[in-house]
Every structure is written in structure tokens, then in C-alpha cells.
PDB file of N, CA and C in Angstrom:
ATOM      1  N   MET A   1     156.577 162.948  96.552  1.00  0.00           N
ATOM      2  CA  MET A   1     156.375 161.592  96.093  1.00  0.00           C
ATOM      3  C   MET A   1     154.908 161.217  96.216  1.00  0.00           C
ATOM      4  N   ASP A   2     154.419 160.481  95.238  1.00  0.00           N
ATOM      5  CA  ASP A   2     153.039 160.039  95.348  1.00  0.00           C
ATOM      6  C   ASP A   2     152.971 158.791  96.234  1.00  0.00           C
ATOM      7  N   GLN A   3     151.784 158.458  96.620  1.00  0.00           N
ATOM      8  CA  GLN A   3     151.563 157.366  97.563  1.00  0.00           C
ATOM      9  C   GLN A   3     152.004 156.015  96.993  1.00  0.00           C
ATOM     10  N   GLU A   4     151.960 155.856  95.671  1.00  0.00           N
ATOM     11  CA  GLU A   4     152.331 154.586  95.044  1.00  0.00           C
ATOM     12  C   GLU A   4     153.834 154.326  95.065  1.00  0.00           C
ATOM     13  N   THR A   5     154.659 155.367  95.141  1.00  0.00           N
ATOM     14  CA  THR A   5     156.112 155.170  95.088  1.00  0.00           C
ATOM     15  C   THR A   5     156.836 155.592  96.358  1.00  0.00           C
ATOM     16  N   SER A   6     156.165 156.272  97.258  1.00  0.00           N
ATOM     17  CA  SER A   6     156.828 156.699  98.487  1.00  0.00           C
ATOM     18  C   SER A   6     157.025 155.491  99.401  1.00  0.00           C
ATOM     19  N   PRO A   7     158.096 155.511 100.199  1.00  0.00           N
ATOM     20  CA  PRO A   7     158.363 154.387 101.100  1.00  0.00           C
ATOM     21  C   PRO A   7     157.227 154.193 102.119  1.00  0.00           C
ATOM     22  N   ILE A   8     157.000 152.947 102.472  1.00  0.00           N
ATOM     23  CA  ILE A   8     156.037 152.625 103.527  1.00  0.00           C
ATOM     24  C   ILE A   8     156.786 152.704 104.849  1.00  0.00           C
ATOM     25  N   THR A   9     156.223 153.421 105.802  1.00  0.00           N
ATOM     26  CA  THR A   9     156.836 153.566 107.121  1.00  0.00           C
ATOM     27  C   THR A   9     155.786 153.273 108.195  1.00  0.00           C
ATOM     28  N   ILE A  10     156.236 153.165 109.427  1.00  0.00           N
ATOM     29  CA  ILE A  10     155.272 152.953 110.514  1.00  0.00           C
ATOM     30  C   ILE A  10     154.408 154.180 110.744  1.00  0.00           C
ATOM     31  N   GLN A  11     154.843 155.322 110.209  1.00  0.00           N
ATOM     32  CA  GLN A  11     154.040 156.531 110.345  1.00  0.00           C
ATOM     33  C   GLN A  11     152.892 156.593 109.341  1.00  0.00           C
ATOM     34  N   ASN A  12     153.051 155.913 108.194  1.00  0.00           N
ATOM     35  CA  ASN A  12     152.011 156.038 107.174  1.00  0.00           C
ATOM     36  C   ASN A  12     151.305 154.724 106.826  1.00  0.00           C
ATOM     37  N   ASP A  13     151.623 153.642 107.570  1.00  0.00           N
ATOM     38  CA  ASP A  13     150.986 152.357 107.251  1.00  0.00           C
ATOM     39  C   ASP A  13     150.712 151.568 108.528  1.00  0.00           C
ATOM     40  N   LEU A  14     149.438 151.363 108.803  1.00  0.00           N
ATOM     41  CA  LEU A  14     149.030 150.654 110.021  1.00  0.00           C
ATOM     42  C   LEU A  14     149.494 149.202 110.019  1.00  0.00           C
ATOM     43  N   GLN A  15     149.478 148.532 108.860  1.00  0.00           N
ATOM     44  CA  GLN A  15     149.920 147.131 108.817  1.00  0.00           C
ATOM     45  C   GLN A  15     151.382 147.000 109.201  1.00  0.00           C
ATOM     46  N   LEU A  16     152.231 147.895 108.711  1.00  0.00           N
ATOM     47  CA  LEU A  16     153.641 147.840 109.083  1.00  0.00           C
ATOM     48  C   LEU A  16     153.802 148.123 110.572  1.00  0.00           C
ATOM     49  N   LEU A  17     153.084 149.083 111.085  1.00  0.00           N
ATOM     50  CA  LEU A  17     153.145 149.382 112.514  1.00  0.00           C
ATOM     51  C   LEU A  17     152.750 148.162 113.338  1.00  0.00           C
ATOM     52  N   LEU A  18     151.661 147.495 112.976  1.00  0.00           N
ATOM     53  CA  LEU A  18     151.213 146.307 113.711  1.00  0.00           C
ATOM     54  C   LEU A  18     152.228 145.182 113.597  1.00  0.00           C
ATOM     55  N   PHE A  19     152.771 144.979 112.388  1.00  0.00           N
ATOM     56  CA  PHE A  19     153.790 143.945 112.208  1.00  0.00           C
ATOM     57  C   PHE A  19     155.014 144.233 113.070  1.00  0.00           C
ATOM     58  N   MET A  20     155.470 145.468 113.075  1.00  0.00           N
ATOM     59  CA  MET A  20     156.652 145.825 113.864  1.00  0.00           C
ATOM     60  C   MET A  20     156.395 145.655 115.360  1.00  0.00           C
ATOM     61  N   ARG A  21     155.214 146.002 115.812  1.00  0.00           N
ATOM     62  CA  ARG A  21     154.886 145.792 117.228  1.00  0.00           C
ATOM     63  C   ARG A  21     154.895 144.309 117.566  1.00  0.00           C
ATOM     64  N   LEU A  22     154.305 143.495 116.687  1.00  0.00           N
ATOM     65  CA  LEU A  22     154.290 142.054 116.900  1.00  0.00           C
ATOM     66  C   LEU A  22     155.704 141.489 116.870  1.00  0.00           C
ATOM     67  N   TRP A  23     156.469 141.875 115.865  1.00  0.00           N
ATOM     68  CA  TRP A  23     157.814 141.329 115.734  1.00  0.00           C
ATOM     69  C   TRP A  23     158.714 141.769 116.889  1.00  0.00           C
ATOM     70  N   THR A  24     158.631 143.024 117.299  1.00  0.00           N
ATOM     71  CA  THR A  24     159.499 143.483 118.388  1.00  0.00           C
ATOM     72  C   THR A  24     159.114 142.872 119.719  1.00  0.00           C
ATOM     73  N   SER A  25     157.844 142.487 119.875  1.00  0.00           N
ATOM     74  CA  SER A  25     157.446 141.879 121.144  1.00  0.00           C
ATOM     75  C   SER A  25     157.595 140.361 121.152  1.00  0.00           C
ATOM     76  N   ARG A  26     157.458 139.702 119.982  1.00  0.00           N
ATOM     77  CA  ARG A  26     157.484 138.237 119.941  1.00  0.00           C
ATOM     78  C   ARG A  26     158.404 137.659 118.876  1.00  0.00           C
ATOM     79  N   GLY A  27     158.948 138.486 118.014  1.00  0.00           N
ATOM     80  CA  GLY A  27     159.763 138.006 116.903  1.00  0.00           C
ATOM     81  C   GLY A  27     161.000 137.252 117.326  1.00  0.00           C
ATOM     82  N   GLU A  28     161.694 137.759 118.318  1.00  0.00           N
ATOM     83  CA  GLU A  28     162.906 137.095 118.786  1.00  0.00           C
ATOM     84  C   GLU A  28     162.585 135.697 119.306  1.00  0.00           C
ATOM     85  N   LEU A  29     161.468 135.554 120.028  1.00  0.00           N
ATOM     86  CA  LEU A  29     161.046 134.252 120.527  1.00  0.00           C
ATOM     87  C   LEU A  29     160.688 133.330 119.365  1.00  0.00           C
ATOM     88  N   ALA A  30     159.958 133.847 118.376  1.00  0.00           N
ATOM     89  CA  ALA A  30     159.588 133.040 117.213  1.00  0.00           C
ATOM     90  C   ALA A  30     160.835 132.585 116.464  1.00  0.00           C
ATOM     91  N   LEU A  31     161.769 133.485 116.235  1.00  0.00           N
ATOM     92  CA  LEU A  31     162.994 133.154 115.522  1.00  0.00           C
ATOM     93  C   LEU A  31     163.811 132.117 116.288  1.00  0.00           C
ATOM     94  N   SER A  32     163.938 132.294 117.576  1.00  0.00           N
ATOM     95  CA  SER A  32     164.674 131.351 118.411  1.00  0.00           C
ATOM     96  C   SER A  32     164.016 129.970 118.393  1.00  0.00           C
ATOM     97  N   THR A  33     162.691 129.943 118.471  1.00  0.00           N
ATOM     98  CA  THR A  33     161.960 128.675 118.445  1.00  0.00           C
ATOM     99  C   THR A  33     162.177 127.960 117.121  1.00  0.00           C
ATOM    100  N   VAL A  34     162.073 128.689 116.020  1.00  0.00           N
ATOM    101  CA  VAL A  34     162.268 128.090 114.697  1.00  0.00           C
ATOM    102  C   VAL A  34     163.703 127.594 114.556  1.00  0.00           C
ATOM    103  N   ARG A  35     164.663 128.408 114.964  1.00  0.00           N
ATOM    104  CA  ARG A  35     166.077 128.027 114.863  1.00  0.00           C
ATOM    105  C   ARG A  35     166.338 126.746 115.654  1.00  0.00           C
ATOM    106  N   ASP A  36     165.832 126.677 116.876  1.00  0.00           N
ATOM    107  CA  ASP A  36     166.024 125.482 117.709  1.00  0.00           C
ATOM    108  C   ASP A  36     165.359 124.258 117.093  1.00  0.00           C
ATOM    109  N   PHE A  37     164.158 124.459 116.529  1.00  0.00           N
ATOM    110  CA  PHE A  37     163.450 123.340 115.931  1.00  0.00           C
ATOM    111  C   PHE A  37     164.140 122.850 114.667  1.00  0.00           C
ATOM    112  N   VAL A  38     164.718 123.761 113.887  1.00  0.00           N
ATOM    113  CA  VAL A  38     165.492 123.376 112.703  1.00  0.00           C
ATOM    114  C   VAL A  38     166.657 122.487 113.131  1.00  0.00           C
ATOM    115  N   ASN A  39     167.362 122.881 114.168  1.00  0.00           N
ATOM    116  CA  ASN A  39     168.487 122.082 114.654  1.00  0.00           C
ATOM    117  C   ASN A  39     168.019 120.721 115.174  1.00  0.00           C
ATOM    118  N   LYS A  40     166.926 120.699 115.906  1.00  0.00           N
ATOM    119  CA  LYS A  40     166.406 119.457 116.487  1.00  0.00           C
ATOM    120  C   LYS A  40     165.949 118.482 115.410  1.00  0.00           C
ATOM    121  N   SER A  41     165.402 118.990 114.320  1.00  0.00           N
ATOM    122  CA  SER A  41     164.814 118.133 113.298  1.00  0.00           C
ATOM    123  C   SER A  41     165.767 117.868 112.133  1.00  0.00           C
ATOM    124  N   ALA A  42     167.043 118.154 112.295  1.00  0.00           N
ATOM    125  CA  ALA A  42     168.001 118.111 111.195  1.00  0.00           C
ATOM    126  C   ALA A  42     167.960 116.811 110.385  1.00  0.00           C
ATOM    127  N   SER A  43     167.812 115.692 111.015  1.00  0.00           N
ATOM    128  CA  SER A  43     167.850 114.425 110.284  1.00  0.00           C
ATOM    129  C   SER A  43     166.516 113.675 110.352  1.00  0.00           C
ATOM    130  N   ARG A  44     165.451 114.399 110.641  1.00  0.00           N
ATOM    131  CA  ARG A  44     164.154 113.744 110.813  1.00  0.00           C
ATOM    132  C   ARG A  44     163.084 114.409 109.962  1.00  0.00           C
ATOM    133  N   LYS A  45     162.096 113.638 109.572  1.00  0.00           N
ATOM    134  CA  LYS A  45     160.911 114.171 108.898  1.00  0.00           C
ATOM    135  C   LYS A  45     160.009 114.807 109.952  1.00  0.00           C
ATOM    136  N   ILE A  46     159.152 115.708 109.512  1.00  0.00           N
ATOM    137  CA  ILE A  46     158.216 116.385 110.421  1.00  0.00           C
ATOM    138  C   ILE A  46     156.802 116.075 109.958  1.00  0.00           C
ATOM    139  N   GLU A  47     155.974 115.614 110.866  1.00  0.00           N
ATOM    140  CA  GLU A  47     154.571 115.365 110.560  1.00  0.00           C
ATOM    141  C   GLU A  47     153.732 116.438 111.245  1.00  0.00           C
ATOM    142  N   LEU A  48     153.047 117.229 110.445  1.00  0.00           N
ATOM    143  CA  LEU A  48     152.189 118.286 110.978  1.00  0.00           C
ATOM    144  C   LEU A  48     150.810 117.726 111.288  1.00  0.00           C
ATOM    145  N   PRO A  49     150.163 118.252 112.311  1.00  0.00           N
ATOM    146  CA  PRO A  49     148.805 117.783 112.625  1.00  0.00           C
ATOM    147  C   PRO A  49     147.818 118.256 111.560  1.00  0.00           C
ATOM    148  N   ASP A  50     146.772 117.479 111.384  1.00  0.00           N
ATOM    149  CA  ASP A  50     145.690 117.900 110.493  1.00  0.00           C
ATOM    150  C   ASP A  50     144.805 118.897 111.223  1.00  0.00           C
ATOM    151  N   ILE A  51     144.586 120.031 110.598  1.00  0.00           N
ATOM    152  CA  ILE A  51     143.686 121.042 111.137  1.00  0.00           C
ATOM    153  C   ILE A  51     142.632 121.279 110.073  1.00  0.00           C
ATOM    154  N   PRO A  52     141.363 121.070 110.409  1.00  0.00           N
ATOM    155  CA  PRO A  52     140.309 121.241 109.400  1.00  0.00           C
ATOM    156  C   PRO A  52     140.385 122.604 108.697  1.00  0.00           C
ATOM    157  N   ASN A  53     140.250 122.565 107.387  1.00  0.00           N
ATOM    158  CA  ASN A  53     140.229 123.762 106.546  1.00  0.00           C
ATOM    159  C   ASN A  53     141.543 124.546 106.539  1.00  0.00           C
ATOM    160  N   ARG A  54     142.623 123.885 106.917  1.00  0.00           N
ATOM    161  CA  ARG A  54     143.934 124.541 106.903  1.00  0.00           C
ATOM    162  C   ARG A  54     144.942 123.615 106.251  1.00  0.00           C
ATOM    163  N   ASN A  55     145.952 124.175 105.624  1.00  0.00           N
ATOM    164  CA  ASN A  55     147.073 123.423 105.087  1.00  0.00           C
ATOM    165  C   ASN A  55     148.329 124.111 105.604  1.00  0.00           C
ATOM    166  N   LEU A  56     148.838 123.623 106.729  1.00  0.00           N
ATOM    167  CA  LEU A  56     149.955 124.296 107.387  1.00  0.00           C
ATOM    168  C   LEU A  56     151.198 124.367 106.512  1.00  0.00           C
ATOM    169  N   LYS A  57     151.483 123.295 105.772  1.00  0.00           N
ATOM    170  CA  LYS A  57     152.669 123.324 104.907  1.00  0.00           C
ATOM    171  C   LYS A  57     152.523 124.411 103.849  1.00  0.00           C
ATOM    172  N   SER A  58     151.346 124.529 103.265  1.00  0.00           N
ATOM    173  CA  SER A  58     151.091 125.567 102.264  1.00  0.00           C
ATOM    174  C   SER A  58     151.198 126.958 102.883  1.00  0.00           C
ATOM    175  N   GLU A  59     150.664 127.129 104.083  1.00  0.00           N
ATOM    176  CA  GLU A  59     150.734 128.429 104.760  1.00  0.00           C
ATOM    177  C   GLU A  59     152.181 128.810 105.056  1.00  0.00           C
ATOM    178  N   LEU A  60     152.981 127.847 105.514  1.00  0.00           N
ATOM    179  CA  LEU A  60     154.390 128.122 105.804  1.00  0.00           C
ATOM    180  C   LEU A  60     155.156 128.458 104.524  1.00  0.00           C
ATOM    181  N   SER A  61     154.829 127.771 103.443  1.00  0.00           N
ATOM    182  CA  SER A  61     155.460 128.062 102.154  1.00  0.00           C
ATOM    183  C   SER A  61     155.107 129.470 101.688  1.00  0.00           C
ATOM    184  N   GLU A  62     153.842 129.850 101.838  1.00  0.00           N
ATOM    185  CA  GLU A  62     153.426 131.197 101.468  1.00  0.00           C
ATOM    186  C   GLU A  62     154.130 132.241 102.333  1.00  0.00           C
ATOM    187  N   MET A  63     154.278 131.954 103.624  1.00  0.00           N
ATOM    188  CA  MET A  63     154.988 132.870 104.528  1.00  0.00           C
ATOM    189  C   MET A  63     156.429 133.045 104.067  1.00  0.00           C
ATOM    190  N   LYS A  64     157.094 131.946 103.705  1.00  0.00           N
ATOM    191  CA  LYS A  64     158.475 132.005 103.216  1.00  0.00           C
ATOM    192  C   LYS A  64     158.568 132.880 101.971  1.00  0.00           C
ATOM    193  N   ASP A  65     157.667 132.648 101.025  1.00  0.00           N
ATOM    194  CA  ASP A  65     157.679 133.425  99.785  1.00  0.00           C
ATOM    195  C   ASP A  65     157.449 134.906 100.044  1.00  0.00           C
ATOM    196  N   ASN A  66     156.490 135.221 100.899  1.00  0.00           N
ATOM    197  CA  ASN A  66     156.184 136.623 101.192  1.00  0.00           C
ATOM    198  C   ASN A  66     157.303 137.296 101.967  1.00  0.00           C
ATOM    199  N   LEU A  67     157.932 136.589 102.897  1.00  0.00           N
ATOM    200  CA  LEU A  67     159.060 137.166 103.631  1.00  0.00           C
ATOM    201  C   LEU A  67     160.229 137.439 102.688  1.00  0.00           C
ATOM    202  N   ALA A  68     160.460 136.541 101.729  1.00  0.00           N
ATOM    203  CA  ALA A  68     161.536 136.764 100.759  1.00  0.00           C
ATOM    204  C   ALA A  68     161.284 138.039  99.961  1.00  0.00           C
ATOM    205  N   ILE A  69     160.046 138.250  99.550  1.00  0.00           N
ATOM    206  CA  ILE A  69     159.698 139.468  98.810  1.00  0.00           C
ATOM    207  C   ILE A  69     159.909 140.708  99.677  1.00  0.00           C
ATOM    208  N   LEU A  70     159.435 140.648 100.920  1.00  0.00           N
ATOM    209  CA  LEU A  70     159.604 141.795 101.816  1.00  0.00           C
ATOM    210  C   LEU A  70     161.072 142.084 102.098  1.00  0.00           C
ATOM    211  N   LEU A  71     161.878 141.051 102.271  1.00  0.00           N
ATOM    212  CA  LEU A  71     163.299 141.260 102.531  1.00  0.00           C
ATOM    213  C   LEU A  71     163.975 141.993 101.378  1.00  0.00           C
ATOM    214  N   ARG A  72     163.584 141.686 100.159  1.00  0.00           N
ATOM    215  CA  ARG A  72     164.165 142.385  99.005  1.00  0.00           C
ATOM    216  C   ARG A  72     163.767 143.854  98.974  1.00  0.00           C
ATOM    217  N   ARG A  73     162.639 144.186  99.582  1.00  0.00           N
ATOM    218  CA  ARG A  73     162.148 145.580  99.560  1.00  0.00           C
ATOM    219  C   ARG A  73     162.666 146.430 100.715  1.00  0.00           C
ATOM    220  N   LEU A  74     163.257 145.809 101.717  1.00  0.00           N
ATOM    221  CA  LEU A  74     163.759 146.563 102.865  1.00  0.00           C
ATOM    222  C   LEU A  74     164.951 147.428 102.472  1.00  0.00           C
ATOM    223  N   GLU A  75     164.961 148.633 102.985  1.00  0.00           N
ATOM    224  CA  GLU A  75     166.090 149.542 102.737  1.00  0.00           C
ATOM    225  C   GLU A  75     167.145 149.334 103.786  1.00  0.00           C
TER     226      GLU A  75
END
């Protein structure tokens, strides 16, 4: 298989290896925090702080879109 069509694995891609290390060490905590916050905010609006040169809502939306794409590619 050529590099363009062969599966990406932790053996051949540093970004996947780093992501997997991050997710396995902190992913469960992140998921639990998000899940708890979703439940806590069920009937309330959320106001994000202003951070210069950042748009947190846009960043979270981009994260959602990219995770959806990655989920479709997982074997």
C-alpha cells in the first residue's frame, strides 16, 4: 500500500501517537467533565469568557466537526 491509502497507526504517525497518549492519560477526565457540564447546564445558557484573539465557540465548533470526521474514519 502506498502512504496515501495505507491506514494511519501509532507506529507510522507521530500525531496519532501523541493524540492517543493525551487521550489515554486525560481523555476520560475530559469526557467526564464535559458530560457532567452538559447535565449541569441542561436548561441554562452558557456565557464564555472573552479571551483576546480567541473565539472559544468557534474553536469548539471546529473540534466537533473534526471529531465527527475522525470518527467516520475509525476502523
